[in-house]
All heavy atoms as atom14 arrays in JSON, in Angstrom:
{
  "sequence": "NALSPNGANPVFTIEYIELIPETKNNSVTIFDRW",
  "atom14_mask": [
    [1, 1, 1, 1, 1, 1, 1, 1, 0, 0, 0, 0, 0, 0],
    [1, 1, 1, 1, 1, 0, 0, 0, 0, 0, 0, 0, 0, 0],
    [1, 1, 1, 1, 1, 1, 1, 1, 0, 0, 0, 0, 0, 0],
    [1, 1, 1, 1, 1, 1, 0, 0, 0, 0, 0, 0, 0, 0],
    [1, 1, 1, 1, 1, 1, 1, 0, 0, 0, 0, 0, 0, 0],
    [1, 1, 1, 1, 1, 1, 1, 1, 0, 0, 0, 0, 0, 0],
    [1, 1, 1, 1, 0, 0, 0, 0, 0, 0, 0, 0, 0, 0],
    [1, 1, 1, 1, 1, 0, 0, 0, 0, 0, 0, 0, 0, 0],
    [1, 1, 1, 1, 1, 1, 1, 1, 0, 0, 0, 0, 0, 0],
    [1, 1, 1, 1, 1, 1, 1, 0, 0, 0, 0, 0, 0, 0],
    [1, 1, 1, 1, 1, 1, 1, 0, 0, 0, 0, 0, 0, 0],
    [1, 1, 1, 1, 1, 1, 1, 1, 1, 1, 1, 0, 0, 0],
    [1, 1, 1, 1, 1, 1, 1, 0, 0, 0, 0, 0, 0, 0],
    [1, 1, 1, 1, 1, 1, 1, 1, 0, 0, 0, 0, 0, 0],
    [1, 1, 1, 1, 1, 1, 1, 1, 1, 0, 0, 0, 0, 0],
    [1, 1, 1, 1, 1, 1, 1, 1, 1, 1, 1, 1, 0, 0],
    [1, 1, 1, 1, 1, 1, 1, 1, 0, 0, 0, 0, 0, 0],
    [1, 1, 1, 1, 1, 1, 1, 1, 1, 0, 0, 0, 0, 0],
    [1, 1, 1, 1, 1, 1, 1, 1, 0, 0, 0, 0, 0, 0],
    [1, 1, 1, 1, 1, 1, 1, 1, 0, 0, 0, 0, 0, 0],
    [1, 1, 1, 1, 1, 1, 1, 0, 0, 0, 0, 0, 0, 0],
    [1, 1, 1, 1, 1, 1, 1, 1, 1, 0, 0, 0, 0, 0],
    [1, 1, 1, 1, 1, 1, 1, 0, 0, 0, 0, 0, 0, 0],
    [1, 1, 1, 1, 1, 1, 1, 1, 1, 0, 0, 0, 0, 0],
    [1, 1, 1, 1, 1, 1, 1, 1, 0, 0, 0, 0, 0, 0],
    [1, 1, 1, 1, 1, 1, 1, 1, 0, 0, 0, 0, 0, 0],
    [1, 1, 1, 1, 1, 1, 0, 0, 0, 0, 0, 0, 0, 0],
    [1, 1, 1, 1, 1, 1, 1, 0, 0, 0, 0, 0, 0, 0],
    [1, 1, 1, 1, 1, 1, 1, 0, 0, 0, 0, 0, 0, 0],
    [1, 1, 1, 1, 1, 1, 1, 1, 0, 0, 0, 0, 0, 0],
    [1, 1, 1, 1, 1, 1, 1, 1, 1, 1, 1, 0, 0, 0],
    [1, 1, 1, 1, 1, 1, 1, 1, 0, 0, 0, 0, 0, 0],
    [1, 1, 1, 1, 1, 1, 1, 1, 1, 1, 1, 0, 0, 0],
    [1, 1, 1, 1, 1, 1, 1, 1, 1, 1, 1, 1, 1, 1]
  ],
  "atom14_positions": [
    [[97.34, 206.86, 116.98], [98.14, 207.65, 116.03], [99.14, 208.59, 116.69], [99.55, 209.58, 116.1], [97.23, 208.42, 115.08], [96.33, 209.38, 115.83], [96.32, 209.4, 117.03], [95.55, 210.15, 115.07], [0.0, 0.0, 0.0], [0.0, 0.0, 0.0], [0.0, 0.0, 0.0], [0.0, 0.0, 0.0], [0.0, 0.0, 0.0], [0.0, 0.0, 0.0]],
    [[99.58, 208.26, 117.92], [100.65, 209.03, 118.56], [101.83, 208.09, 118.76], [101.67, 206.96, 119.22], [100.19, 209.59, 119.9], [0.0, 0.0, 0.0], [0.0, 0.0, 0.0], [0.0, 0.0, 0.0], [0.0, 0.0, 0.0], [0.0, 0.0, 0.0], [0.0, 0.0, 0.0], [0.0, 0.0, 0.0], [0.0, 0.0, 0.0], [0.0, 0.0, 0.0]],
    [[103.01, 208.56, 118.41], [104.22, 207.73, 118.48], [105.36, 208.57, 119.04], [105.65, 209.66, 118.54], [104.56, 207.23, 117.06], [105.89, 206.5, 116.88], [105.9, 205.21, 117.69], [106.11, 206.19, 115.39], [0.0, 0.0, 0.0], [0.0, 0.0, 0.0], [0.0, 0.0, 0.0], [0.0, 0.0, 0.0], [0.0, 0.0, 0.0], [0.0, 0.0, 0.0]],
    [[105.97, 208.09, 120.12], [107.14, 208.77, 120.71], [108.21, 207.71, 120.96], [108.21, 207.06, 122.0], [106.77, 209.48, 122.01], [106.13, 208.59, 122.9], [0.0, 0.0, 0.0], [0.0, 0.0, 0.0], [0.0, 0.0, 0.0], [0.0, 0.0, 0.0], [0.0, 0.0, 0.0], [0.0, 0.0, 0.0], [0.0, 0.0, 0.0], [0.0, 0.0, 0.0]],
    [[109.11, 207.48, 120.0], [110.08, 206.39, 120.09], [110.87, 206.38, 121.39], [111.26, 205.32, 121.88], [110.98, 206.62, 118.9], [110.12, 207.33, 117.91], [109.24, 208.22, 118.73], [0.0, 0.0, 0.0], [0.0, 0.0, 0.0], [0.0, 0.0, 0.0], [0.0, 0.0, 0.0], [0.0, 0.0, 0.0], [0.0, 0.0, 0.0], [0.0, 0.0, 0.0]],
    [[111.13, 207.55, 121.97], [111.91, 207.62, 123.2], [111.04, 207.91, 124.42], [111.55, 208.27, 125.48], [112.99, 208.7, 123.08], [113.94, 208.44, 121.93], [114.35, 207.3, 121.71], [114.26, 209.47, 121.16], [0.0, 0.0, 0.0], [0.0, 0.0, 0.0], [0.0, 0.0, 0.0], [0.0, 0.0, 0.0], [0.0, 0.0, 0.0], [0.0, 0.0, 0.0]],
    [[109.74, 207.77, 124.26], [108.84, 208.12, 125.34], [107.9, 206.99, 125.72], [108.25, 205.81, 125.62], [0.0, 0.0, 0.0], [0.0, 0.0, 0.0], [0.0, 0.0, 0.0], [0.0, 0.0, 0.0], [0.0, 0.0, 0.0], [0.0, 0.0, 0.0], [0.0, 0.0, 0.0], [0.0, 0.0, 0.0], [0.0, 0.0, 0.0], [0.0, 0.0, 0.0]],
    [[106.69, 207.37, 126.11], [105.72, 206.4, 126.63], [105.08, 205.55, 125.55], [104.55, 204.48, 125.85], [104.64, 207.14, 127.43], [0.0, 0.0, 0.0], [0.0, 0.0, 0.0], [0.0, 0.0, 0.0], [0.0, 0.0, 0.0], [0.0, 0.0, 0.0], [0.0, 0.0, 0.0], [0.0, 0.0, 0.0], [0.0, 0.0, 0.0], [0.0, 0.0, 0.0]],
    [[105.08, 206.0, 124.29], [104.45, 205.26, 123.18], [105.49, 204.98, 122.11], [105.54, 205.64, 121.07], [103.29, 206.07, 122.61], [102.25, 206.42, 123.65], [101.69, 205.53, 124.29], [102.01, 207.7, 123.85], [0.0, 0.0, 0.0], [0.0, 0.0, 0.0], [0.0, 0.0, 0.0], [0.0, 0.0, 0.0], [0.0, 0.0, 0.0], [0.0, 0.0, 0.0]],
    [[106.35, 203.99, 122.35], [107.5, 203.79, 121.46], [107.18, 203.14, 120.12], [108.03, 203.13, 119.23], [108.42, 202.89, 122.29], [107.49, 202.13, 123.19], [106.37, 203.07, 123.5], [0.0, 0.0, 0.0], [0.0, 0.0, 0.0], [0.0, 0.0, 0.0], [0.0, 0.0, 0.0], [0.0, 0.0, 0.0], [0.0, 0.0, 0.0], [0.0, 0.0, 0.0]],
    [[105.97, 202.6, 119.95], [105.63, 201.95, 118.68], [104.27, 202.44, 118.19], [103.45, 202.93, 118.97], [105.63, 200.41, 118.81], [106.98, 199.89, 119.25], [104.54, 199.95, 119.78], [0.0, 0.0, 0.0], [0.0, 0.0, 0.0], [0.0, 0.0, 0.0], [0.0, 0.0, 0.0], [0.0, 0.0, 0.0], [0.0, 0.0, 0.0], [0.0, 0.0, 0.0]],
    [[104.07, 202.28, 116.91], [102.79, 202.59, 116.27], [101.87, 201.38, 116.48], [102.09, 200.32, 115.91], [103.01, 202.88, 114.79], [101.75, 203.09, 114.0], [100.69, 203.84, 114.48], [101.62, 202.52, 112.73], [99.54, 204.03, 113.75], [100.48, 202.7, 111.98], [99.43, 203.46, 112.49], [0.0, 0.0, 0.0], [0.0, 0.0, 0.0], [0.0, 0.0, 0.0]],
    [[100.85, 201.54, 117.35], [100.01, 200.42, 117.74], [98.73, 200.4, 116.92], [98.02, 201.4, 116.83], [99.64, 200.51, 119.24], [100.84, 200.49, 120.0], [98.75, 199.35, 119.66], [0.0, 0.0, 0.0], [0.0, 0.0, 0.0], [0.0, 0.0, 0.0], [0.0, 0.0, 0.0], [0.0, 0.0, 0.0], [0.0, 0.0, 0.0], [0.0, 0.0, 0.0]],
    [[98.47, 199.21, 116.33], [97.2, 198.96, 115.63], [96.56, 197.79, 116.37], [96.79, 196.62, 116.07], [97.43, 198.63, 114.15], [98.32, 199.68, 113.49], [96.09, 198.53, 113.42], [98.71, 199.34, 112.06], [0.0, 0.0, 0.0], [0.0, 0.0, 0.0], [0.0, 0.0, 0.0], [0.0, 0.0, 0.0], [0.0, 0.0, 0.0], [0.0, 0.0, 0.0]],
    [[95.76, 198.11, 117.38], [95.24, 197.1, 118.28], [94.31, 196.12, 117.55], [93.51, 196.51, 116.71], [94.49, 197.78, 119.43], [94.16, 196.83, 120.58], [93.6, 197.56, 121.78], [93.12, 198.71, 121.62], [93.66, 196.98, 122.88], [0.0, 0.0, 0.0], [0.0, 0.0, 0.0], [0.0, 0.0, 0.0], [0.0, 0.0, 0.0], [0.0, 0.0, 0.0]],
    [[94.48, 194.83, 117.9], [93.67, 193.71, 117.39], [93.99, 193.3, 115.96], [93.41, 192.34, 115.45], [92.17, 194.01, 117.49], [91.68, 194.37, 118.87], [90.8, 195.42, 119.04], [92.08, 193.64, 119.99], [90.34, 195.76, 120.32], [91.63, 193.97, 121.25], [90.75, 195.02, 121.42], [90.3, 195.36, 122.66], [0.0, 0.0, 0.0], [0.0, 0.0, 0.0]],
    [[94.91, 193.98, 115.29], [95.13, 193.66, 113.88], [95.62, 192.23, 113.68], [95.3, 191.59, 112.66], [96.12, 194.68, 113.23], [96.09, 194.53, 111.7], [97.53, 194.52, 113.79], [96.82, 195.64, 110.98], [0.0, 0.0, 0.0], [0.0, 0.0, 0.0], [0.0, 0.0, 0.0], [0.0, 0.0, 0.0], [0.0, 0.0, 0.0], [0.0, 0.0, 0.0]],
    [[96.36, 191.71, 114.66], [96.88, 190.36, 114.53], [95.91, 189.3, 115.04], [96.17, 188.1, 114.87], [98.22, 190.24, 115.27], [98.12, 190.13, 116.78], [97.95, 191.48, 117.47], [97.54, 192.47, 116.83], [98.2, 191.53, 118.68], [0.0, 0.0, 0.0], [0.0, 0.0, 0.0], [0.0, 0.0, 0.0], [0.0, 0.0, 0.0], [0.0, 0.0, 0.0]],
    [[94.79, 189.71, 115.63], [93.85, 188.76, 116.21], [92.62, 188.5, 115.35], [92.09, 187.39, 115.34], [93.39, 189.27, 117.6], [94.49, 189.45, 118.66], [93.88, 190.02, 119.93], [95.18, 188.13, 118.94], [0.0, 0.0, 0.0], [0.0, 0.0, 0.0], [0.0, 0.0, 0.0], [0.0, 0.0, 0.0], [0.0, 0.0, 0.0], [0.0, 0.0, 0.0]],
    [[92.17, 189.5, 114.67], [90.93, 189.37, 113.9], [91.23, 188.65, 112.58], [92.15, 189.06, 111.84], [90.32, 190.75, 113.64], [90.03, 191.44, 114.99], [89.07, 190.65, 112.79], [89.55, 192.86, 114.85], [0.0, 0.0, 0.0], [0.0, 0.0, 0.0], [0.0, 0.0, 0.0], [0.0, 0.0, 0.0], [0.0, 0.0, 0.0], [0.0, 0.0, 0.0]],
    [[90.51, 187.58, 112.29], [90.79, 186.83, 111.05], [90.78, 187.71, 109.8], [91.58, 187.48, 108.89], [89.66, 185.79, 111.01], [89.3, 185.58, 112.45], [89.45, 186.91, 113.1], [0.0, 0.0, 0.0], [0.0, 0.0, 0.0], [0.0, 0.0, 0.0], [0.0, 0.0, 0.0], [0.0, 0.0, 0.0], [0.0, 0.0, 0.0], [0.0, 0.0, 0.0]],
    [[89.91, 188.69, 109.74], [89.83, 189.55, 108.55], [91.02, 190.49, 108.42], [91.25, 191.05, 107.36], [88.55, 190.39, 108.6], [87.27, 189.6, 108.36], [86.07, 190.54, 108.34], [85.94, 191.33, 109.3], [85.3, 190.5, 107.37], [0.0, 0.0, 0.0], [0.0, 0.0, 0.0], [0.0, 0.0, 0.0], [0.0, 0.0, 0.0], [0.0, 0.0, 0.0]],
    [[91.76, 190.71, 109.53], [92.83, 191.72, 109.48], [94.23, 191.14, 109.66], [95.22, 191.87, 109.53], [92.59, 192.78, 110.56], [92.67, 192.17, 111.87], [91.24, 193.44, 110.39], [0.0, 0.0, 0.0], [0.0, 0.0, 0.0], [0.0, 0.0, 0.0], [0.0, 0.0, 0.0], [0.0, 0.0, 0.0], [0.0, 0.0, 0.0], [0.0, 0.0, 0.0]],
    [[94.33, 189.83, 109.96], [95.65, 189.26, 110.23], [96.56, 189.35, 109.02], [97.76, 189.62, 109.15], [95.51, 187.79, 110.66], [94.88, 187.62, 112.03], [94.65, 186.16, 112.38], [95.96, 185.41, 112.52], [95.73, 184.03, 113.01], [0.0, 0.0, 0.0], [0.0, 0.0, 0.0], [0.0, 0.0, 0.0], [0.0, 0.0, 0.0], [0.0, 0.0, 0.0]],
    [[96.02, 189.12, 107.83], [96.81, 189.26, 106.6], [96.65, 190.7, 106.11], [95.6, 191.09, 105.6], [96.34, 188.28, 105.54], [96.54, 186.83, 105.98], [97.53, 186.52, 106.63], [95.6, 185.96, 105.64], [0.0, 0.0, 0.0], [0.0, 0.0, 0.0], [0.0, 0.0, 0.0], [0.0, 0.0, 0.0], [0.0, 0.0, 0.0], [0.0, 0.0, 0.0]],
    [[97.69, 191.48, 106.3], [97.57, 192.92, 106.04], [98.87, 193.47, 105.46], [99.9, 192.8, 105.44], [97.22, 193.65, 107.34], [98.27, 193.44, 108.41], [99.39, 193.95, 108.31], [97.94, 192.65, 109.44], [0.0, 0.0, 0.0], [0.0, 0.0, 0.0], [0.0, 0.0, 0.0], [0.0, 0.0, 0.0], [0.0, 0.0, 0.0], [0.0, 0.0, 0.0]],
    [[98.76, 194.71, 105.02], [99.92, 195.46, 104.54], [99.81, 196.88, 105.07], [98.77, 197.53, 104.91], [99.96, 195.46, 103.0], [101.02, 196.26, 102.54], [0.0, 0.0, 0.0], [0.0, 0.0, 0.0], [0.0, 0.0, 0.0], [0.0, 0.0, 0.0], [0.0, 0.0, 0.0], [0.0, 0.0, 0.0], [0.0, 0.0, 0.0], [0.0, 0.0, 0.0]],
    [[100.88, 197.36, 105.75], [100.88, 198.69, 106.34], [102.0, 199.51, 105.7], [103.15, 199.04, 105.6], [101.08, 198.61, 107.87], [101.16, 200.02, 108.47], [99.95, 197.81, 108.52], [0.0, 0.0, 0.0], [0.0, 0.0, 0.0], [0.0, 0.0, 0.0], [0.0, 0.0, 0.0], [0.0, 0.0, 0.0], [0.0, 0.0, 0.0], [0.0, 0.0, 0.0]],
    [[101.64, 200.72, 105.28], [102.62, 201.62, 104.65], [102.58, 202.97, 105.35], [101.5, 203.47, 105.68], [102.3, 201.81, 103.15], [102.21, 200.52, 102.52], [103.38, 202.63, 102.47], [0.0, 0.0, 0.0], [0.0, 0.0, 0.0], [0.0, 0.0, 0.0], [0.0, 0.0, 0.0], [0.0, 0.0, 0.0], [0.0, 0.0, 0.0], [0.0, 0.0, 0.0]],
    [[103.77, 203.54, 105.6], [103.9, 204.85, 106.24], [104.52, 205.82, 105.22], [105.51, 205.5, 104.55], [104.79, 204.77, 107.5], [104.32, 203.67, 108.45], [104.83, 206.12, 108.21], [102.95, 203.87, 109.02], [0.0, 0.0, 0.0], [0.0, 0.0, 0.0], [0.0, 0.0, 0.0], [0.0, 0.0, 0.0], [0.0, 0.0, 0.0], [0.0, 0.0, 0.0]],
    [[103.9, 207.05, 105.11], [104.37, 208.07, 104.18], [104.73, 209.34, 104.96], [104.17, 209.61, 106.02], [103.26, 208.44, 103.17], [102.73, 207.26, 102.39], [101.64, 206.53, 102.85], [103.31, 206.91, 101.16], [101.14, 205.46, 102.14], [102.8, 205.84, 100.45], [101.72, 205.11, 100.92], [0.0, 0.0, 0.0], [0.0, 0.0, 0.0], [0.0, 0.0, 0.0]],
    [[105.68, 210.1, 104.38], [105.93, 211.42, 104.97], [104.93, 212.41, 104.37], [104.05, 212.04, 103.58], [107.38, 211.85, 104.77], [107.75, 212.03, 103.3], [106.82, 212.15, 102.45], [108.95, 212.07, 102.98], [0.0, 0.0, 0.0], [0.0, 0.0, 0.0], [0.0, 0.0, 0.0], [0.0, 0.0, 0.0], [0.0, 0.0, 0.0], [0.0, 0.0, 0.0]],
    [[105.02, 213.67, 104.75], [104.02, 214.65, 104.31], [104.09, 214.97, 102.82], [103.2, 215.61, 102.28], [104.16, 215.93, 105.12], [105.51, 216.6, 105.01], [105.53, 217.86, 105.85], [106.84, 218.5, 105.85], [107.09, 219.67, 106.41], [106.1, 220.33, 107.01], [108.29, 220.2, 106.38], [0.0, 0.0, 0.0], [0.0, 0.0, 0.0], [0.0, 0.0, 0.0]],
    [[105.16, 214.52, 102.15], [105.27, 214.73, 100.69], [104.85, 213.46, 99.94], [105.12, 213.31, 98.77], [106.7, 215.1, 100.33], [107.1, 216.44, 100.93], [106.73, 217.67, 100.49], [107.92, 216.63, 102.06], [107.26, 218.66, 101.28], [108.01, 218.04, 102.3], [108.58, 215.81, 102.97], [108.74, 218.59, 103.34], [109.3, 216.37, 104.0], [109.38, 217.75, 104.18]]
  ]
}
């Protein structure tokens, strides 16, 4: 849950989400604080 687009962590990583059969079909949504 740390993201620094211009730094060492340029993407939001969800490890294994594309590998596990139960999680490959997914939907991810990002919200601001409001």
